[in-house]
Amino acid sequence: MQSSLTLRPIGFISTHKQVKFQALHQPAEDEPERNVLELLPEPGYQQALQDLDGFSRVWLLWWFHRNASWRPLVLPPRGPAQRRGVFATRSPHRPNPLGLTPVQLLGIEGRRLLLGPCDLVDGTPVFDIKPYIPAFDAFPDAGGGWTEEVEAALAGPPQFAVKFAPLAQSQAEWLLATWEVDFRPRLIELLAIDPTPHRTRRIRRRGDALFTIGCGAWKAVFSVAGKVVTVLALEPGYPLRFLNNPDYEDLPDREAQLACWARWPEQLR
């Protein structure tokens, strides 16, 4: 038995998702989205796409390239704070961090595949493409294990109402108008389900009465009273010492975060 194998990417995907927070755990097919998988200019790759244009979906086999380690027990983002065996989840923290995603195939232009919604961040390496064949790839009556109970609970109405305090609302509107940054839909979705501290959902306590939730390159500060979650403020996810360090120029939303620090210095200190 070989102790290691060598895989080479066949291409890289371009998406609008710069951080994992923006990549839903399952593609949101009800929202318009266009992504591009560009194959490398290797001999035969373009020819290998022959006859694929008749399929409406493809499977992508890819690499969680931002993960450096794995865990035998993981904390799924959905459901209660209960650790599960990694092989019973779709966690990225795997011995071999391989991802598998079915995605809409919208078109083919040379070595470029035009794709619909996906859960891959920008720059993800892709190892293989396979056609999605409904007769063989869909098993609607298959058992879902522990996820069935979680999905049943999530299918009900939201457990918490989420509202924005004036400061948070002003900050959110400024981010959208000035920087085209808007993470409110995903933030509301997560807090409406369960705002209690959770490592994978990046929810932590701040003192006795406040909480924070990581939103990619940003944070939201909120409080909970009964079944009402109030988002009090939005904050940059990185401190000024990182944002002003020339070695960290590739931080996501870096200029927007610096501008936020300058606009609300008192609230953020």
Protein backbone atom coordinates (compact mmCIF):
# COMPACT_ATOMS: atom_id res chain seq x y z
CA MET A 1 0.00 0.00 0.00
CA GLN A 2 1.25 3.46 -0.87
CA SER A 3 1.65 5.78 2.11
CA SER A 4 0.83 8.82 -0.03
CA LEU A 5 -0.72 9.72 -3.34
CA THR A 6 -0.15 12.71 -5.60
CA LEU A 7 -3.08 14.73 -6.90
CA ARG A 8 -2.86 17.69 -9.25
CA PRO A 9 -5.59 20.30 -9.71
CA ILE A 10 -7.17 20.43 -13.14
CA GLY A 11 -8.30 24.01 -12.54
CA PHE A 12 -9.33 26.67 -10.06
CA ILE A 13 -12.72 28.21 -9.41
CA SER A 14 -13.47 31.93 -9.29
CA THR A 15 -16.30 32.97 -6.98
CA HIS A 16 -17.35 36.09 -5.07
CA LYS A 17 -16.75 34.31 -1.76
CA GLN A 18 -13.51 35.50 -0.18
CA VAL A 19 -14.07 33.99 3.27
CA LYS A 20 -15.72 30.80 4.49
CA PHE A 21 -18.56 32.72 6.17
CA GLN A 22 -19.82 33.67 2.71
CA ALA A 23 -19.87 30.05 1.52
CA LEU A 24 -23.08 28.40 2.71
CA HIS A 25 -22.75 24.79 3.83
CA GLN A 26 -25.02 23.88 0.93
CA PRO A 27 -25.38 26.01 -2.23
CA ALA A 28 -28.37 28.36 -2.09
CA GLU A 29 -30.04 27.47 -5.38
CA ASP A 30 -32.85 30.00 -4.97
CA GLU A 31 -30.38 32.90 -5.28
CA PRO A 32 -28.81 34.01 -8.60
CA GLU A 33 -25.10 33.32 -8.68
CA ARG A 34 -22.52 32.77 -11.38
CA ASN A 35 -19.13 31.18 -10.84
CA VAL A 36 -16.38 30.16 -13.23
CA LEU A 37 -14.19 27.07 -13.15
CA GLU A 38 -11.22 27.60 -15.46
CA LEU A 39 -9.25 24.52 -16.37
CA LEU A 40 -5.49 24.73 -16.64
CA PRO A 41 -4.03 24.91 -20.17
CA GLU A 42 -2.93 21.29 -20.04
CA PRO A 43 -3.03 19.16 -23.20
CA GLY A 44 -6.34 17.35 -23.49
CA TYR A 45 -8.28 19.20 -20.78
CA GLN A 46 -10.47 21.15 -23.19
CA GLN A 47 -11.07 18.06 -25.30
CA ALA A 48 -12.07 16.18 -22.14
CA LEU A 49 -15.08 18.53 -21.81
CA GLN A 50 -16.58 17.16 -25.02
CA ASP A 51 -20.23 16.01 -24.57
CA LEU A 52 -20.52 17.58 -21.10
CA ASP A 53 -22.72 20.45 -22.31
CA GLY A 54 -25.78 18.16 -22.38
CA PHE A 55 -25.81 17.83 -18.59
CA SER A 56 -27.55 20.36 -16.36
CA ARG A 57 -25.42 19.55 -13.32
CA VAL A 58 -21.92 18.32 -12.55
CA TRP A 59 -20.11 17.04 -9.49
CA LEU A 60 -16.96 18.91 -8.45
CA LEU A 61 -14.29 17.11 -6.46
CA TRP A 62 -12.11 19.71 -4.75
CA TRP A 63 -9.72 20.50 -1.89
CA PHE A 64 -10.32 22.41 1.36
CA HIS A 65 -7.08 24.26 0.70
CA ARG A 66 -7.33 26.56 3.75
CA ASN A 67 -7.35 23.69 6.27
CA ALA A 68 -4.09 22.50 7.78
CA SER A 69 -5.31 19.83 10.23
CA TRP A 70 -8.13 17.40 10.92
CA ARG A 71 -10.16 16.24 13.91
CA PRO A 72 -11.81 12.86 14.56
CA LEU A 73 -14.70 14.59 16.35
CA VAL A 74 -16.11 17.85 15.02
CA LEU A 75 -18.82 20.31 15.98
CA PRO A 76 -21.26 20.71 13.07
CA PRO A 77 -22.57 24.25 12.54
CA ARG A 78 -26.18 23.08 12.38
CA GLY A 79 -28.00 21.66 15.35
CA PRO A 80 -27.06 21.47 19.03
CA ALA A 81 -23.50 21.85 20.27
CA GLN A 82 -22.75 18.15 20.06
CA ARG A 83 -19.59 16.66 18.60
CA ARG A 84 -19.93 14.05 15.88
CA GLY A 85 -17.54 11.67 14.17
CA VAL A 86 -16.03 13.52 11.22
CA PHE A 87 -17.01 10.72 8.83
CA ALA A 88 -20.66 11.30 9.83
CA THR A 89 -20.42 14.97 8.82
CA ARG A 90 -19.36 17.14 5.92
CA SER A 91 -16.85 19.05 7.99
CA PRO A 92 -13.78 20.36 6.14
CA HIS A 93 -11.52 19.08 8.95
CA ARG A 94 -10.88 15.66 7.40
CA PRO A 95 -7.80 13.39 7.15
CA ASN A 96 -7.85 14.16 3.42
CA PRO A 97 -9.76 17.46 3.09
CA LEU A 98 -11.70 16.56 -0.05
CA GLY A 99 -14.93 18.33 -0.89
CA LEU A 100 -17.76 17.12 -3.14
CA THR A 101 -20.38 19.49 -4.52
CA PRO A 102 -23.14 19.15 -7.12
CA VAL A 103 -23.49 22.39 -9.06
CA GLN A 104 -25.53 23.70 -11.97
CA LEU A 105 -23.72 23.74 -15.29
CA LEU A 106 -24.80 26.91 -17.10
CA GLY A 107 -22.44 26.74 -20.06
CA ILE A 108 -19.00 25.92 -21.40
CA GLU A 109 -16.68 28.43 -23.07
CA GLY A 110 -13.43 26.81 -24.13
CA ARG A 111 -11.70 25.75 -20.91
CA ARG A 112 -14.16 27.70 -18.75
CA LEU A 113 -17.19 26.12 -17.09
CA LEU A 114 -19.92 28.59 -16.14
CA LEU A 115 -21.49 27.36 -12.93
CA GLY A 116 -24.42 28.23 -10.69
CA PRO A 117 -24.45 28.58 -6.88
CA CYS A 118 -21.72 26.70 -5.05
CA ASP A 119 -20.10 26.45 -1.61
CA LEU A 120 -16.51 26.96 -2.72
CA VAL A 121 -14.44 30.01 -1.83
CA ASP A 122 -12.51 31.89 -4.47
CA GLY A 123 -9.38 30.11 -5.67
CA THR A 124 -10.39 26.61 -4.59
CA PRO A 125 -8.44 23.93 -6.50
CA VAL A 126 -10.62 21.39 -8.33
CA PHE A 127 -9.42 17.83 -8.99
CA ASP A 128 -12.20 16.35 -11.09
CA ILE A 129 -15.52 16.94 -12.83
CA LYS A 130 -18.16 14.25 -13.17
CA PRO A 131 -21.62 14.49 -14.75
CA TYR A 132 -24.60 14.42 -12.39
CA ILE A 133 -26.87 11.58 -13.51
CA PRO A 134 -30.29 11.77 -11.77
CA ALA A 135 -31.09 8.08 -12.28
CA PHE A 136 -28.02 7.05 -10.28
CA ASP A 137 -27.06 10.04 -8.13
CA ALA A 138 -30.38 10.83 -6.41
CA PHE A 139 -31.75 8.72 -3.54
CA PRO A 140 -34.59 10.78 -2.00
CA ASP A 141 -35.66 7.94 0.32
CA ALA A 142 -32.18 7.38 1.82
CA GLY A 143 -31.83 7.72 5.59
CA GLY A 144 -30.23 10.92 6.85
CA GLY A 145 -28.95 9.68 10.21
CA TRP A 146 -28.61 12.29 12.93
CA THR A 147 -29.27 15.10 10.44
CA GLU A 148 -32.94 14.14 10.13
CA GLU A 149 -33.68 15.34 13.65
CA VAL A 150 -31.73 18.55 13.07
CA GLU A 151 -33.48 19.27 9.75
CA ALA A 152 -36.88 18.63 11.30
CA ALA A 153 -36.16 21.21 13.99
CA LEU A 154 -34.84 23.74 11.47
CA ALA A 155 -37.88 23.28 9.22
CA GLY A 156 -40.04 25.04 11.79
CA PRO A 157 -40.35 28.81 12.23
CA PRO A 158 -37.29 30.75 13.47
CA GLN A 159 -36.82 30.44 17.22
CA PHE A 160 -35.55 34.02 17.66
CA ALA A 161 -36.46 37.41 16.24
CA VAL A 162 -33.47 39.48 15.13
CA LYS A 163 -33.46 43.28 15.12
CA PHE A 164 -30.76 45.92 14.59
CA ALA A 165 -30.07 48.77 16.99
CA PRO A 166 -29.57 52.23 15.39
CA LEU A 167 -25.76 52.04 15.42
CA ALA A 168 -25.68 48.57 13.84
CA GLN A 169 -28.25 49.60 11.24
CA SER A 170 -26.26 52.71 10.35
CA GLN A 171 -23.06 50.69 10.06
CA ALA A 172 -24.73 48.05 7.89
CA GLU A 173 -26.17 50.66 5.53
CA TRP A 174 -22.78 52.40 5.27
CA LEU A 175 -20.99 49.13 4.51
CA LEU A 176 -23.46 48.30 1.75
CA ALA A 177 -23.57 51.77 0.19
CA THR A 178 -19.85 52.52 0.41
CA TRP A 179 -18.17 49.12 0.13
CA GLU A 180 -20.86 46.76 -1.23
CA VAL A 181 -20.42 44.60 1.87
CA ASP A 182 -23.62 43.12 3.28
CA PHE A 183 -23.56 40.05 5.51
CA ARG A 184 -26.91 40.74 7.19
CA PRO A 185 -28.91 37.92 5.51
CA ARG A 186 -26.47 35.23 6.69
CA LEU A 187 -26.10 36.91 10.10
CA ILE A 188 -29.87 37.00 10.62
CA GLU A 189 -30.23 33.41 9.47
CA LEU A 190 -27.71 32.14 12.02
CA LEU A 191 -28.92 34.22 14.96
CA ALA A 192 -32.58 33.40 14.31
CA ILE A 193 -31.82 29.70 14.64
CA ASP A 194 -29.73 29.76 17.81
CA PRO A 195 -27.65 32.65 19.24
CA THR A 196 -26.06 30.63 22.03
CA PRO A 197 -22.23 30.30 22.15
CA HIS A 198 -20.97 27.82 19.59
CA ARG A 199 -17.39 27.41 18.39
CA THR A 200 -18.16 26.42 14.79
CA ARG A 201 -20.74 29.18 14.39
CA ARG A 202 -18.09 31.51 15.90
CA ILE A 203 -20.43 32.76 18.64
CA ARG A 204 -18.65 33.78 21.84
CA ARG A 205 -19.48 35.59 25.05
CA ARG A 206 -18.26 39.13 25.64
CA GLY A 207 -18.63 39.86 29.31
CA ASP A 208 -21.79 38.92 31.17
CA ALA A 209 -24.49 40.30 28.89
CA LEU A 210 -23.06 40.51 25.36
CA PHE A 211 -22.06 38.10 22.63
CA THR A 212 -20.13 38.31 19.37
CA ILE A 213 -20.46 36.31 16.18
CA GLY A 214 -17.82 36.11 13.49
CA CYS A 215 -19.07 37.08 10.03
CA GLY A 216 -16.07 36.36 7.84
CA ALA A 217 -13.90 39.49 7.99
CA TRP A 218 -16.35 41.15 10.38
CA LYS A 219 -17.97 40.70 13.78
CA ALA A 220 -21.40 41.52 15.12
CA VAL A 221 -22.00 42.37 18.78
CA PHE A 222 -25.43 41.37 20.08
CA SER A 223 -27.52 40.80 23.16
CA VAL A 224 -30.31 38.31 23.85
CA ALA A 225 -33.47 39.03 25.83
CA GLY A 226 -35.95 36.19 25.84
CA LYS A 227 -36.55 35.29 22.19
CA VAL A 228 -35.26 38.59 20.80
CA VAL A 229 -31.70 39.07 19.52
CA THR A 230 -30.56 42.67 19.16
CA VAL A 231 -27.53 43.36 16.99
CA LEU A 232 -25.90 46.32 18.72
CA ALA A 233 -22.85 47.04 16.53
CA LEU A 234 -20.75 45.75 13.67
CA GLU A 235 -16.98 45.59 14.04
CA PRO A 236 -13.95 44.85 11.87
CA GLY A 237 -12.75 41.32 12.38
CA TYR A 238 -9.08 42.36 12.49
CA PRO A 239 -7.34 44.78 14.89
CA LEU A 240 -5.62 47.88 13.56
CA ARG A 241 -2.15 46.44 14.14
CA PHE A 242 -2.94 43.77 11.53
CA LEU A 243 -4.74 46.05 9.10
CA ASN A 244 -1.88 48.58 9.15
CA ASN A 245 0.78 45.90 8.74
CA PRO A 246 2.03 45.81 5.11
CA ASP A 247 2.62 42.07 5.48
CA TYR A 248 -1.18 41.56 5.70
CA GLU A 249 -2.27 43.49 2.61
CA ASP A 250 -4.34 40.55 1.36
CA LEU A 251 -6.73 40.56 4.34
CA PRO A 252 -10.35 40.45 3.08
CA ASP A 253 -12.18 43.80 3.11
CA ARG A 254 -9.01 45.45 4.43
CA GLU A 255 -9.75 48.97 3.17
CA ALA A 256 -13.36 48.78 4.36
CA GLN A 257 -12.23 47.69 7.81
CA LEU A 258 -9.71 50.54 8.04
CA ALA A 259 -12.44 52.98 7.03
CA CYS A 260 -14.75 51.53 9.68
CA TRP A 261 -12.11 52.01 12.37
CA ALA A 262 -11.72 55.63 11.26
CA ARG A 263 -15.46 56.34 11.12
CA TRP A 264 -16.41 54.82 14.51
CA PRO A 265 -13.20 55.06 16.58
CA GLU A 266 -14.93 55.49 19.93
CA GLN A 267 -17.40 52.64 19.48
CA LEU A 268 -14.68 50.21 18.38
CA ARG A 269 -12.13 50.85 21.11
